[in-house]
Amino acid sequence: MAQAPNAGSMHGVMRGQYPIRWILIIIGAVLAVGCVTTDEGTTISGTGTVRYIDLEGGFYGIVGDDGADYLPLDLDPAFQQDGLRVRYSLEKADVATIQQWGTPVRVVAIERI
């Protein structure tokens, strides 16, 4: 019984090239994933107005005087008043929310003004 000419030769690919190609692909993928950055931990300070947003069951957000919308994940109930003017220091949070409104943040400091 005759053996096919390419039997055992990895389908025409020279021995040694196949593993090197996969190693380079894996290294490239690891480097690409390592380059992903997030804004988590970035501090935002300013003034704005607490607003009740009637979406997805309702929640309180902060509309900054700069026009940005912030979704505080831990707003103290004492500040959950529609129309309340506040001075805030917030930290961006890298999370997904069901509200799909504003930038998710954690409250570092907040006060009435």
PDB file of N, CA and C in Angstrom:
ATOM      1  N   MET A   1       0.844  -1.168   0.000  1.00  0.00           N
ATOM      2  CA  MET A   1       0.000   0.000   0.000  1.00  0.00           C
ATOM      3  C   MET A   1       0.894   1.238   0.000  1.00  0.00           C
ATOM      4  N   ALA A   2       0.702   2.115  -0.959  1.00  0.00           N
ATOM      5  CA  ALA A   2       1.549   3.299  -1.086  1.00  0.00           C
ATOM      6  C   ALA A   2       0.990   4.420  -0.227  1.00  0.00           C
ATOM      7  N   GLN A   3       1.898   5.188   0.346  1.00  0.00           N
ATOM      8  CA  GLN A   3       1.502   6.310   1.195  1.00  0.00           C
ATOM      9  C   GLN A   3       1.435   7.573   0.346  1.00  0.00           C
ATOM     10  N   ALA A   4       0.447   8.418   0.586  1.00  0.00           N
ATOM     11  CA  ALA A   4       0.303   9.674  -0.152  1.00  0.00           C
ATOM     12  C   ALA A   4       1.555  10.507   0.045  1.00  0.00           C
ATOM     13  N   PRO A   5       1.969  11.259  -0.987  1.00  0.00           N
ATOM     14  CA  PRO A   5       3.214  12.026  -0.906  1.00  0.00           C
ATOM     15  C   PRO A   5       3.254  13.047   0.226  1.00  0.00           C
ATOM     16  N   ASN A   6       2.121  13.641   0.608  1.00  0.00           N
ATOM     17  CA  ASN A   6       2.116  14.676   1.640  1.00  0.00           C
ATOM     18  C   ASN A   6       1.668  14.152   2.995  1.00  0.00           C
ATOM     19  N   ALA A   7       1.519  12.881   3.179  1.00  0.00           N
ATOM     20  CA  ALA A   7       1.051  12.333   4.446  1.00  0.00           C
ATOM     21  C   ALA A   7       1.996  12.721   5.561  1.00  0.00           C
ATOM     22  N   GLY A   8       1.451  13.262   6.622  1.00  0.00           N
ATOM     23  CA  GLY A   8       2.255  13.637   7.781  1.00  0.00           C
ATOM     24  C   GLY A   8       2.954  14.974   7.638  1.00  0.00           C
ATOM     25  N   SER A   9       2.683  15.718   6.588  1.00  0.00           N
ATOM     26  CA  SER A   9       3.378  16.997   6.410  1.00  0.00           C
ATOM     27  C   SER A   9       2.481  18.190   6.730  1.00  0.00           C
ATOM     28  N   MET A  10       1.431  17.994   7.504  1.00  0.00           N
ATOM     29  CA  MET A  10       0.539  19.065   7.956  1.00  0.00           C
ATOM     30  C   MET A  10      -0.100  19.789   6.783  1.00  0.00           C
ATOM     31  N   HIS A  11      -0.610  19.037   5.822  1.00  0.00           N
ATOM     32  CA  HIS A  11      -1.342  19.586   4.668  1.00  0.00           C
ATOM     33  C   HIS A  11      -0.505  20.575   3.872  1.00  0.00           C
ATOM     34  N   GLY A  12       0.713  20.302   3.646  1.00  0.00           N
ATOM     35  CA  GLY A  12       1.547  21.143   2.812  1.00  0.00           C
ATOM     36  C   GLY A  12       2.235  22.279   3.542  1.00  0.00           C
ATOM     37  N   VAL A  13       1.931  22.517   4.804  1.00  0.00           N
ATOM     38  CA  VAL A  13       2.576  23.576   5.570  1.00  0.00           C
ATOM     39  C   VAL A  13       3.858  23.004   6.162  1.00  0.00           C
ATOM     40  N   MET A  14       4.938  23.735   6.009  1.00  0.00           N
ATOM     41  CA  MET A  14       6.218  23.244   6.528  1.00  0.00           C
ATOM     42  C   MET A  14       6.146  23.118   8.037  1.00  0.00           C
ATOM     43  N   ARG A  15       6.757  22.082   8.566  1.00  0.00           N
ATOM     44  CA  ARG A  15       6.782  21.891  10.012  1.00  0.00           C
ATOM     45  C   ARG A  15       7.435  23.114  10.667  1.00  0.00           C
ATOM     46  N   GLY A  16       6.836  23.566  11.759  1.00  0.00           N
ATOM     47  CA  GLY A  16       7.394  24.700  12.491  1.00  0.00           C
ATOM     48  C   GLY A  16       6.696  26.005  12.170  1.00  0.00           C
ATOM     49  N   GLN A  17       6.200  26.195  10.952  1.00  0.00           N
ATOM     50  CA  GLN A  17       5.531  27.444  10.604  1.00  0.00           C
ATOM     51  C   GLN A  17       4.143  27.540  11.234  1.00  0.00           C
ATOM     52  N   TYR A  18       3.452  26.450  11.261  1.00  0.00           N
ATOM     53  CA  TYR A  18       2.079  26.437  11.784  1.00  0.00           C
ATOM     54  C   TYR A  18       2.028  26.899  13.233  1.00  0.00           C
ATOM     55  N   PRO A  19       2.822  26.344  14.151  1.00  0.00           N
ATOM     56  CA  PRO A  19       2.773  26.820  15.536  1.00  0.00           C
ATOM     57  C   PRO A  19       3.219  28.276  15.675  1.00  0.00           C
ATOM     58  N   ILE A  20       4.174  28.719  14.897  1.00  0.00           N
ATOM     59  CA  ILE A  20       4.654  30.100  14.996  1.00  0.00           C
ATOM     60  C   ILE A  20       3.544  31.070  14.602  1.00  0.00           C
ATOM     61  N   ARG A  21       2.785  30.730  13.581  1.00  0.00           N
ATOM     62  CA  ARG A  21       1.683  31.592  13.155  1.00  0.00           C
ATOM     63  C   ARG A  21       0.677  31.757  14.296  1.00  0.00           C
ATOM     64  N   TRP A  22       0.317  30.666  14.958  1.00  0.00           N
ATOM     65  CA  TRP A  22      -0.641  30.743  16.055  1.00  0.00           C
ATOM     66  C   TRP A  22      -0.076  31.497  17.248  1.00  0.00           C
ATOM     67  N   ILE A  23       1.186  31.335  17.514  1.00  0.00           N
ATOM     68  CA  ILE A  23       1.809  32.073  18.614  1.00  0.00           C
ATOM     69  C   ILE A  23       1.747  33.576  18.334  1.00  0.00           C
ATOM     70  N   LEU A  24       2.035  33.968  17.086  1.00  0.00           N
ATOM     71  CA  LEU A  24       1.977  35.390  16.735  1.00  0.00           C
ATOM     72  C   LEU A  24       0.546  35.924  16.813  1.00  0.00           C
ATOM     73  N   ILE A  25      -0.431  35.124  16.407  1.00  0.00           N
ATOM     74  CA  ILE A  25      -1.830  35.545  16.500  1.00  0.00           C
ATOM     75  C   ILE A  25      -2.230  35.731  17.956  1.00  0.00           C
ATOM     76  N   ILE A  26      -1.842  34.808  18.818  1.00  0.00           N
ATOM     77  CA  ILE A  26      -2.182  34.905  20.241  1.00  0.00           C
ATOM     78  C   ILE A  26      -1.505  36.110  20.873  1.00  0.00           C
ATOM     79  N   ILE A  27      -0.238  36.340  20.564  1.00  0.00           N
ATOM     80  CA  ILE A  27       0.473  37.507  21.106  1.00  0.00           C
ATOM     81  C   ILE A  27      -0.211  38.798  20.650  1.00  0.00           C
ATOM     82  N   GLY A  28      -0.600  38.860  19.381  1.00  0.00           N
ATOM     83  CA  GLY A  28      -1.287  40.045  18.866  1.00  0.00           C
ATOM     84  C   GLY A  28      -2.612  40.286  19.575  1.00  0.00           C
ATOM     85  N   ALA A  29      -3.363  39.214  19.815  1.00  0.00           N
ATOM     86  CA  ALA A  29      -4.649  39.354  20.511  1.00  0.00           C
ATOM     87  C   ALA A  29      -4.452  39.845  21.936  1.00  0.00           C
ATOM     88  N   VAL A  30      -3.451  39.300  22.628  1.00  0.00           N
ATOM     89  CA  VAL A  30      -3.177  39.722  24.006  1.00  0.00           C
ATOM     90  C   VAL A  30      -2.786  41.193  24.044  1.00  0.00           C
ATOM     91  N   LEU A  31      -1.956  41.619  23.115  1.00  0.00           N
ATOM     92  CA  LEU A  31      -1.551  43.030  23.070  1.00  0.00           C
ATOM     93  C   LEU A  31      -2.738  43.932  22.759  1.00  0.00           C
ATOM     94  N   ALA A  32      -3.610  43.498  21.858  1.00  0.00           N
ATOM     95  CA  ALA A  32      -4.781  44.316  21.509  1.00  0.00           C
ATOM     96  C   ALA A  32      -5.712  44.464  22.701  1.00  0.00           C
ATOM     97  N   VAL A  33      -5.940  43.397  23.443  1.00  0.00           N
ATOM     98  CA  VAL A  33      -6.807  43.464  24.613  1.00  0.00           C
ATOM     99  C   VAL A  33      -6.172  44.326  25.690  1.00  0.00           C
ATOM    100  N   GLY A  34      -4.881  44.268  25.842  1.00  0.00           N
ATOM    101  CA  GLY A  34      -4.182  45.063  26.843  1.00  0.00           C
ATOM    102  C   GLY A  34      -4.218  46.548  26.557  1.00  0.00           C
ATOM    103  N   CYS A  35      -4.551  46.935  25.336  1.00  0.00           N
ATOM    104  CA  CYS A  35      -4.593  48.347  24.969  1.00  0.00           C
ATOM    105  C   CYS A  35      -5.952  48.983  25.223  1.00  0.00           C
ATOM    106  N   VAL A  36      -6.933  48.212  25.644  1.00  0.00           N
ATOM    107  CA  VAL A  36      -8.259  48.758  25.926  1.00  0.00           C
ATOM    108  C   VAL A  36      -8.181  49.603  27.188  1.00  0.00           C
ATOM    109  N   THR A  37      -8.691  50.820  27.117  1.00  0.00           N
ATOM    110  CA  THR A  37      -8.676  51.698  28.282  1.00  0.00           C
ATOM    111  C   THR A  37     -10.094  52.026  28.704  1.00  0.00           C
ATOM    112  N   THR A  38     -10.247  52.342  29.958  1.00  0.00           N
ATOM    113  CA  THR A  38     -11.539  52.779  30.470  1.00  0.00           C
ATOM    114  C   THR A  38     -11.331  54.087  31.209  1.00  0.00           C
ATOM    115  N   ASP A  39     -12.419  54.784  31.434  1.00  0.00           N
ATOM    116  CA  ASP A  39     -12.366  56.035  32.183  1.00  0.00           C
ATOM    117  C   ASP A  39     -12.674  55.819  33.650  1.00  0.00           C
ATOM    118  N   GLU A  40     -12.829  54.539  34.049  1.00  0.00           N
ATOM    119  CA  GLU A  40     -13.200  54.269  35.433  1.00  0.00           C
ATOM    120  C   GLU A  40     -12.197  54.926  36.370  1.00  0.00           C
ATOM    121  N   GLY A  41     -12.727  55.579  37.397  1.00  0.00           N
ATOM    122  CA  GLY A  41     -11.874  56.237  38.372  1.00  0.00           C
ATOM    123  C   GLY A  41     -11.619  57.702  38.061  1.00  0.00           C
ATOM    124  N   THR A  42     -11.985  58.176  36.865  1.00  0.00           N
ATOM    125  CA  THR A  42     -11.799  59.573  36.508  1.00  0.00           C
ATOM    126  C   THR A  42     -12.742  60.437  37.354  1.00  0.00           C
ATOM    127  N   THR A  43     -12.205  61.474  37.964  1.00  0.00           N
ATOM    128  CA  THR A  43     -13.012  62.347  38.826  1.00  0.00           C
ATOM    129  C   THR A  43     -13.588  63.507  38.028  1.00  0.00           C
ATOM    130  N   ILE A  44     -14.860  63.782  38.286  1.00  0.00           N
ATOM    131  CA  ILE A  44     -15.587  64.873  37.633  1.00  0.00           C
ATOM    132  C   ILE A  44     -16.126  65.782  38.737  1.00  0.00           C
ATOM    133  N   SER A  45     -15.859  67.067  38.642  1.00  0.00           N
ATOM    134  CA  SER A  45     -16.367  68.021  39.635  1.00  0.00           C
ATOM    135  C   SER A  45     -17.129  69.120  38.926  1.00  0.00           C
ATOM    136  N   GLY A  46     -18.147  69.635  39.590  1.00  0.00           N
ATOM    137  CA  GLY A  46     -18.907  70.732  39.004  1.00  0.00           C
ATOM    138  C   GLY A  46     -20.165  71.005  39.785  1.00  0.00           C
ATOM    139  N   THR A  47     -21.064  71.728  39.137  1.00  0.00           N
ATOM    140  CA  THR A  47     -22.363  72.028  39.729  1.00  0.00           C
ATOM    141  C   THR A  47     -23.439  71.603  38.737  1.00  0.00           C
ATOM    142  N   GLY A  48     -24.621  71.351  39.279  1.00  0.00           N
ATOM    143  CA  GLY A  48     -25.715  70.926  38.411  1.00  0.00           C
ATOM    144  C   GLY A  48     -27.008  70.806  39.182  1.00  0.00           C
ATOM    145  N   THR A  49     -27.973  70.155  38.544  1.00  0.00           N
ATOM    146  CA  THR A  49     -29.307  70.010  39.104  1.00  0.00           C
ATOM    147  C   THR A  49     -29.694  68.538  39.129  1.00  0.00           C
ATOM    148  N   VAL A  50     -30.198  68.101  40.283  1.00  0.00           N
ATOM    149  CA  VAL A  50     -30.706  66.738  40.392  1.00  0.00           C
ATOM    150  C   VAL A  50     -32.058  66.702  39.683  1.00  0.00           C
ATOM    151  N   ARG A  51     -32.257  65.711  38.839  1.00  0.00           N
ATOM    152  CA  ARG A  51     -33.508  65.571  38.094  1.00  0.00           C
ATOM    153  C   ARG A  51     -34.054  64.154  38.245  1.00  0.00           C
ATOM    154  N   TYR A  52     -35.382  64.064  38.366  1.00  0.00           N
ATOM    155  CA  TYR A  52     -36.033  62.757  38.331  1.00  0.00           C
ATOM    156  C   TYR A  52     -36.268  62.431  36.868  1.00  0.00           C
ATOM    157  N   ILE A  53     -35.744  61.302  36.425  1.00  0.00           N
ATOM    158  CA  ILE A  53     -35.872  60.884  35.029  1.00  0.00           C
ATOM    159  C   ILE A  53     -36.889  59.744  34.990  1.00  0.00           C
ATOM    160  N   ASP A  54     -37.969  59.949  34.258  1.00  0.00           N
ATOM    161  CA  ASP A  54     -39.052  58.960  34.211  1.00  0.00           C
ATOM    162  C   ASP A  54     -38.826  57.966  33.062  1.00  0.00           C
ATOM    163  N   LEU A  55     -37.760  57.189  33.155  1.00  0.00           N
ATOM    164  CA  LEU A  55     -37.443  56.130  32.197  1.00  0.00           C
ATOM    165  C   LEU A  55     -37.130  54.861  32.973  1.00  0.00           C
ATOM    166  N   GLU A  56     -37.400  53.721  32.396  1.00  0.00           N
ATOM    167  CA  GLU A  56     -37.021  52.430  32.998  1.00  0.00           C
ATOM    168  C   GLU A  56     -37.386  52.331  34.475  1.00  0.00           C
ATOM    169  N   GLY A  57     -38.568  52.784  34.825  1.00  0.00           N
ATOM    170  CA  GLY A  57     -39.008  52.703  36.213  1.00  0.00           C
ATOM    171  C   GLY A  57     -38.722  53.946  37.032  1.00  0.00           C
ATOM    172  N   GLY A  58     -37.971  54.884  36.482  1.00  0.00           N
ATOM    173  CA  GLY A  58     -37.665  56.141  37.159  1.00  0.00           C
ATOM    174  C   GLY A  58     -36.413  56.076  38.012  1.00  0.00           C
ATOM    175  N   PHE A  59     -35.644  57.146  37.987  1.00  0.00           N
ATOM    176  CA  PHE A  59     -34.404  57.251  38.759  1.00  0.00           C
ATOM    177  C   PHE A  59     -33.994  58.713  38.817  1.00  0.00           C
ATOM    178  N   TYR A  60     -33.038  59.009  39.695  1.00  0.00           N
ATOM    179  CA  TYR A  60     -32.507  60.368  39.816  1.00  0.00           C
ATOM    180  C   TYR A  60     -31.167  60.461  39.111  1.00  0.00           C
ATOM    181  N   GLY A  61     -31.003  61.525  38.352  1.00  0.00           N
ATOM    182  CA  GLY A  61     -29.746  61.804  37.681  1.00  0.00           C
ATOM    183  C   GLY A  61     -29.324  63.223  37.978  1.00  0.00           C
ATOM    184  N   ILE A  62     -28.115  63.549  37.601  1.00  0.00           N
ATOM    185  CA  ILE A  62     -27.619  64.919  37.759  1.00  0.00           C
ATOM    186  C   ILE A  62     -27.337  65.478  36.376  1.00  0.00           C
ATOM    187  N   VAL A  63     -27.958  66.612  36.078  1.00  0.00           N
ATOM    188  CA  VAL A  63     -27.689  67.313  34.831  1.00  0.00           C
ATOM    189  C   VAL A  63     -26.697  68.420  35.170  1.00  0.00           C
ATOM    190  N   GLY A  64     -25.474  68.263  34.685  1.00  0.00           N
ATOM    191  CA  GLY A  64     -24.430  69.236  34.983  1.00  0.00           C
ATOM    192  C   GLY A  64     -24.670  70.548  34.266  1.00  0.00           C
ATOM    193  N   ASP A  65     -24.172  71.623  34.852  1.00  0.00           N
ATOM    194  CA  ASP A  65     -24.282  72.927  34.207  1.00  0.00           C
ATOM    195  C   ASP A  65     -23.533  72.962  32.880  1.00  0.00           C
ATOM    196  N   ASP A  66     -22.616  71.999  32.691  1.00  0.00           N
ATOM    197  CA  ASP A  66     -21.880  71.899  31.431  1.00  0.00           C
ATOM    198  C   ASP A  66     -22.674  71.120  30.376  1.00  0.00           C
ATOM    199  N   GLY A  67     -23.904  70.679  30.731  1.00  0.00           N
ATOM    200  CA  GLY A  67     -24.753  69.965  29.785  1.00  0.00           C
ATOM    201  C   GLY A  67     -24.615  68.449  29.834  1.00  0.00           C
ATOM    202  N   ALA A  68     -23.676  67.936  30.610  1.00  0.00           N
ATOM    203  CA  ALA A  68     -23.474  66.493  30.705  1.00  0.00           C
ATOM    204  C   ALA A  68     -24.489  65.874  31.670  1.00  0.00           C
ATOM    205  N   ASP A  69     -24.901  64.649  31.373  1.00  0.00           N
ATOM    206  CA  ASP A  69     -25.823  63.909  32.224  1.00  0.00           C
ATOM    207  C   ASP A  69     -25.052  62.847  32.993  1.00  0.00           C
ATOM    208  N   TYR A  70     -25.278  62.780  34.309  1.00  0.00           N
ATOM    209  CA  TYR A  70     -24.591  61.809  35.163  1.00  0.00           C
ATOM    210  C   TYR A  70     -25.620  60.941  35.872  1.00  0.00           C
ATOM    211  N   LEU A  71     -25.352  59.650  35.899  1.00  0.00           N
ATOM    212  CA  LEU A  71     -26.224  58.681  36.557  1.00  0.00           C
ATOM    213  C   LEU A  71     -25.540  58.196  37.829  1.00  0.00           C
ATOM    214  N   PRO A  72     -25.829  58.826  38.978  1.00  0.00           N
ATOM    215  CA  PRO A  72     -25.190  58.408  40.225  1.00  0.00           C
ATOM    216  C   PRO A  72     -25.739  57.051  40.686  1.00  0.00           C
ATOM    217  N   LEU A  73     -24.826  56.115  40.901  1.00  0.00           N
ATOM    218  CA  LEU A  73     -25.218  54.767  41.318  1.00  0.00           C
ATOM    219  C   LEU A  73     -25.521  54.706  42.808  1.00  0.00           C
ATOM    220  N   ASP A  74     -25.076  55.723  43.551  1.00  0.00           N
ATOM    221  CA  ASP A  74     -25.200  55.700  45.013  1.00  0.00           C
ATOM    222  C   ASP A  74     -25.627  57.059  45.576  1.00  0.00           C
ATOM    223  N   LEU A  75     -26.577  57.698  44.910  1.00  0.00           N
ATOM    224  CA  LEU A  75     -27.034  59.015  45.371  1.00  0.00           C
ATOM    225  C   LEU A  75     -27.813  58.857  46.675  1.00  0.00           C
ATOM    226  N   ASP A  76     -27.361  59.550  47.711  1.00  0.00           N
ATOM    227  CA  ASP A  76     -28.008  59.506  49.027  1.00  0.00           C
ATOM    228  C   ASP A  76     -29.464  59.959  48.887  1.00  0.00           C
ATOM    229  N   PRO A  77     -30.394  59.253  49.537  1.00  0.00           N
ATOM    230  CA  PRO A  77     -31.813  59.642  49.449  1.00  0.00           C
ATOM    231  C   PRO A  77     -32.073  61.095  49.838  1.00  0.00           C
ATOM    232  N   ALA A  78     -31.241  61.678  50.683  1.00  0.00           N
ATOM    233  CA  ALA A  78     -31.419  63.080  51.073  1.00  0.00           C
ATOM    234  C   ALA A  78     -31.257  64.023  49.882  1.00  0.00           C
ATOM    235  N   PHE A  79     -30.580  63.568  48.819  1.00  0.00           N
ATOM    236  CA  PHE A  79     -30.355  64.395  47.633  1.00  0.00           C
ATOM    237  C   PHE A  79     -31.264  63.994  46.476  1.00  0.00           C
ATOM    238  N   GLN A  80     -32.143  63.056  46.687  1.00  0.00           N
ATOM    239  CA  GLN A  80     -33.053  62.607  45.634  1.00  0.00           C
ATOM    240  C   GLN A  80     -34.290  63.494  45.596  1.00  0.00           C
ATOM    241  N   GLN A  81     -34.061  64.745  45.161  1.00  0.00           N
ATOM    242  CA  GLN A  81     -35.123  65.751  45.075  1.00  0.00           C
ATOM    243  C   GLN A  81     -35.022  66.434  43.718  1.00  0.00           C
ATOM    244  N   ASP A  82     -36.069  66.294  42.925  1.00  0.00           N
ATOM    245  CA  ASP A  82     -36.077  66.905  41.594  1.00  0.00           C
ATOM    246  C   ASP A  82     -35.918  68.414  41.704  1.00  0.00           C
ATOM    247  N   GLY A  83     -34.958  68.967  40.975  1.00  0.00           N
ATOM    248  CA  GLY A  83     -34.726  70.408  40.964  1.00  0.00           C
ATOM    249  C   GLY A  83     -33.688  70.882  41.968  1.00  0.00           C
ATOM    250  N   LEU A  84     -33.159  69.994  42.791  1.00  0.00           N
ATOM    251  CA  LEU A  84     -32.173  70.377  43.805  1.00  0.00           C
ATOM    252  C   LEU A  84     -30.848  70.752  43.140  1.00  0.00           C
ATOM    253  N   ARG A  85     -30.335  71.945  43.470  1.00  0.00           N
ATOM    254  CA  ARG A  85     -29.042  72.398  42.937  1.00  0.00           C
ATOM    255  C   ARG A  85     -27.935  71.840  43.829  1.00  0.00           C
ATOM    256  N   VAL A  86     -26.889  71.286  43.199  1.00  0.00           N
ATOM    257  CA  VAL A  86     -25.804  70.653  43.954  1.00  0.00           C
ATOM    258  C   VAL A  86     -24.435  70.985  43.363  1.00  0.00           C
ATOM    259  N   ARG A  87     -23.448  70.900  44.239  1.00  0.00           N
ATOM    260  CA  ARG A  87     -22.039  70.918  43.844  1.00  0.00           C
ATOM    261  C   ARG A  87     -21.567  69.491  44.090  1.00  0.00           C
ATOM    262  N   TYR A  88     -20.876  68.904  43.120  1.00  0.00           N
ATOM    263  CA  TYR A  88     -20.546  67.488  43.224  1.00  0.00           C
ATOM    264  C   TYR A  88     -19.110  67.173  42.832  1.00  0.00           C
ATOM    265  N   SER A  89     -18.662  66.060  43.340  1.00  0.00           N
ATOM    266  CA  SER A  89     -17.427  65.428  42.913  1.00  0.00           C
ATOM    267  C   SER A  89     -17.808  63.967  42.669  1.00  0.00           C
ATOM    268  N   LEU A  90     -17.653  63.516  41.433  1.00  0.00           N
ATOM    269  CA  LEU A  90     -18.097  62.192  41.018  1.00  0.00           C
ATOM    270  C   LEU A  90     -16.921  61.405  40.452  1.00  0.00           C
ATOM    271  N   GLU A  91     -17.038  60.108  40.493  1.00  0.00           N
ATOM    272  CA  GLU A  91     -16.009  59.238  39.915  1.00  0.00           C
ATOM    273  C   GLU A  91     -16.683  58.342  38.887  1.00  0.00           C
ATOM    274  N   LYS A  92     -16.162  58.339  37.651  1.00  0.00           N
ATOM    275  CA  LYS A  92     -16.751  57.504  36.603  1.00  0.00           C
ATOM    276  C   LYS A  92     -16.686  56.039  37.000  1.00  0.00           C
ATOM    277  N   ALA A  93     -17.762  55.317  36.700  1.00  0.00           N
ATOM    278  CA  ALA A  93     -17.848  53.886  36.991  1.00  0.00           C
ATOM    279  C   ALA A  93     -17.981  53.130  35.674  1.00  0.00           C
ATOM    280  N   ASP A  94     -17.201  52.093  35.506  1.00  0.00           N
ATOM    281  CA  ASP A  94     -17.223  51.307  34.275  1.00  0.00           C
ATOM    282  C   ASP A  94     -18.223  50.160  34.429  1.00  0.00           C
ATOM    283  N   VAL A  95     -19.512  50.499  34.325  1.00  0.00           N
ATOM    284  CA  VAL A  95     -20.584  49.514  34.472  1.00  0.00           C
ATOM    285  C   VAL A  95     -21.650  49.766  33.404  1.00  0.00           C
ATOM    286  N   ALA A  96     -22.424  48.737  33.132  1.00  0.00           N
ATOM    287  CA  ALA A  96     -23.582  48.874  32.250  1.00  0.00           C
ATOM    288  C   ALA A  96     -24.819  49.000  33.139  1.00  0.00           C
ATOM    289  N   THR A  97     -25.765  49.817  32.721  1.00  0.00           N
ATOM    290  CA  THR A  97     -26.983  50.003  33.504  1.00  0.00           C
ATOM    291  C   THR A  97     -28.201  49.792  32.617  1.00  0.00           C
ATOM    292  N   ILE A  98     -29.329  49.514  33.246  1.00  0.00           N
ATOM    293  CA  ILE A  98     -30.564  49.371  32.469  1.00  0.00           C
ATOM    294  C   ILE A  98     -31.139  50.729  32.093  1.00  0.00           C
ATOM    295  N   GLN A  99     -30.709  51.789  32.779  1.00  0.00           N
ATOM    296  CA  GLN A  99     -31.254  53.120  32.511  1.00  0.00           C
ATOM    297  C   GLN A  99     -30.837  53.656  31.144  1.00  0.00           C
ATOM    298  N   GLN A 100     -29.649  53.350  30.692  1.00  0.00           N
ATOM    299  CA  GLN A 100     -29.153  53.841  29.399  1.00  0.00           C
ATOM    300  C   GLN A 100     -29.326  55.359  29.271  1.00  0.00           C
ATOM    301  N   TRP A 101     -28.951  56.028  30.347  1.00  0.00           N
ATOM    302  CA  TRP A 101     -29.033  57.499  30.391  1.00  0.00           C
ATOM    303  C   TRP A 101     -27.820  58.000  31.146  1.00  0.00           C
ATOM    304  N   GLY A 102     -27.133  58.943  30.613  1.00  0.00           N
ATOM    305  CA  GLY A 102     -26.018  59.569  31.320  1.00  0.00           C
ATOM    306  C   GLY A 102     -24.814  58.661  31.506  1.00  0.00           C
ATOM    307  N   THR A 103     -23.810  59.236  32.134  1.00  0.00           N
ATOM    308  CA  THR A 103     -22.577  58.524  32.460  1.00  0.00           C
ATOM    309  C   THR A 103     -22.700  57.947  33.861  1.00  0.00           C
ATOM    310  N   PRO A 104     -22.557  56.616  34.016  1.00  0.00           N
ATOM    311  CA  PRO A 104     -22.623  56.039  35.364  1.00  0.00           C
ATOM    312  C   PRO A 104     -21.465  56.552  36.225  1.00  0.00           C
ATOM    313  N   VAL A 105     -21.800  57.004  37.445  1.00  0.00           N
ATOM    314  CA  VAL A 105     -20.793  57.563  38.353  1.00  0.00           C
ATOM    315  C   VAL A 105     -21.080  57.127  39.787  1.00  0.00           C
ATOM    316  N   ARG A 106     -20.049  57.234  40.608  1.00  0.00           N
ATOM    317  CA  ARG A 106     -20.188  57.057  42.055  1.00  0.00           C
ATOM    318  C   ARG A 106     -19.958  58.430  42.693  1.00  0.00           C
ATOM    319  N   VAL A 107     -20.732  58.746  43.705  1.00  0.00           N
ATOM    320  CA  VAL A 107     -20.630  60.045  44.356  1.00  0.00           C
ATOM    321  C   VAL A 107     -19.451  60.024  45.331  1.00  0.00           C
ATOM    322  N   VAL A 108     -18.506  60.932  45.121  1.00  0.00           N
ATOM    323  CA  VAL A 108     -17.378  61.104  46.051  1.00  0.00           C
ATOM    324  C   VAL A 108     -17.774  62.120  47.104  1.00  0.00           C
ATOM    325  N   ALA A 109     -18.368  63.231  46.660  1.00  0.00           N
ATOM    326  CA  ALA A 109     -18.858  64.280  47.570  1.00  0.00           C
ATOM    327  C   ALA A 109     -19.982  65.021  46.870  1.00  0.00           C
ATOM    328  N   ILE A 110     -20.955  65.469  47.678  1.00  0.00           N
ATOM    329  CA  ILE A 110     -22.061  66.236  47.123  1.00  0.00           C
ATOM    330  C   ILE A 110     -22.604  67.151  48.213  1.00  0.00           C
ATOM    331  N   GLU A 111     -23.001  68.365  47.805  1.00  0.00           N
ATOM    332  CA  GLU A 111     -23.586  69.318  48.752  1.00  0.00           C
ATOM    333  C   GLU A 111     -24.605  70.190  48.065  1.00  0.00           C
ATOM    334  N   ARG A 112     -25.588  70.645  48.822  1.00  0.00           N
ATOM    335  CA  ARG A 112     -26.582  71.578  48.299  1.00  0.00           C
ATOM    336  C   ARG A 112     -25.958  72.945  48.077  1.00  0.00           C
ATOM    337  N   ILE A 113     -26.425  73.637  47.047  1.00  0.00           N
ATOM    338  CA  ILE A 113     -25.966  75.025  46.849  1.00  0.00           C
ATOM    339  C   ILE A 113     -27.171  75.937  46.673  1.00  0.00           C
TER     340      ILE A 113
END
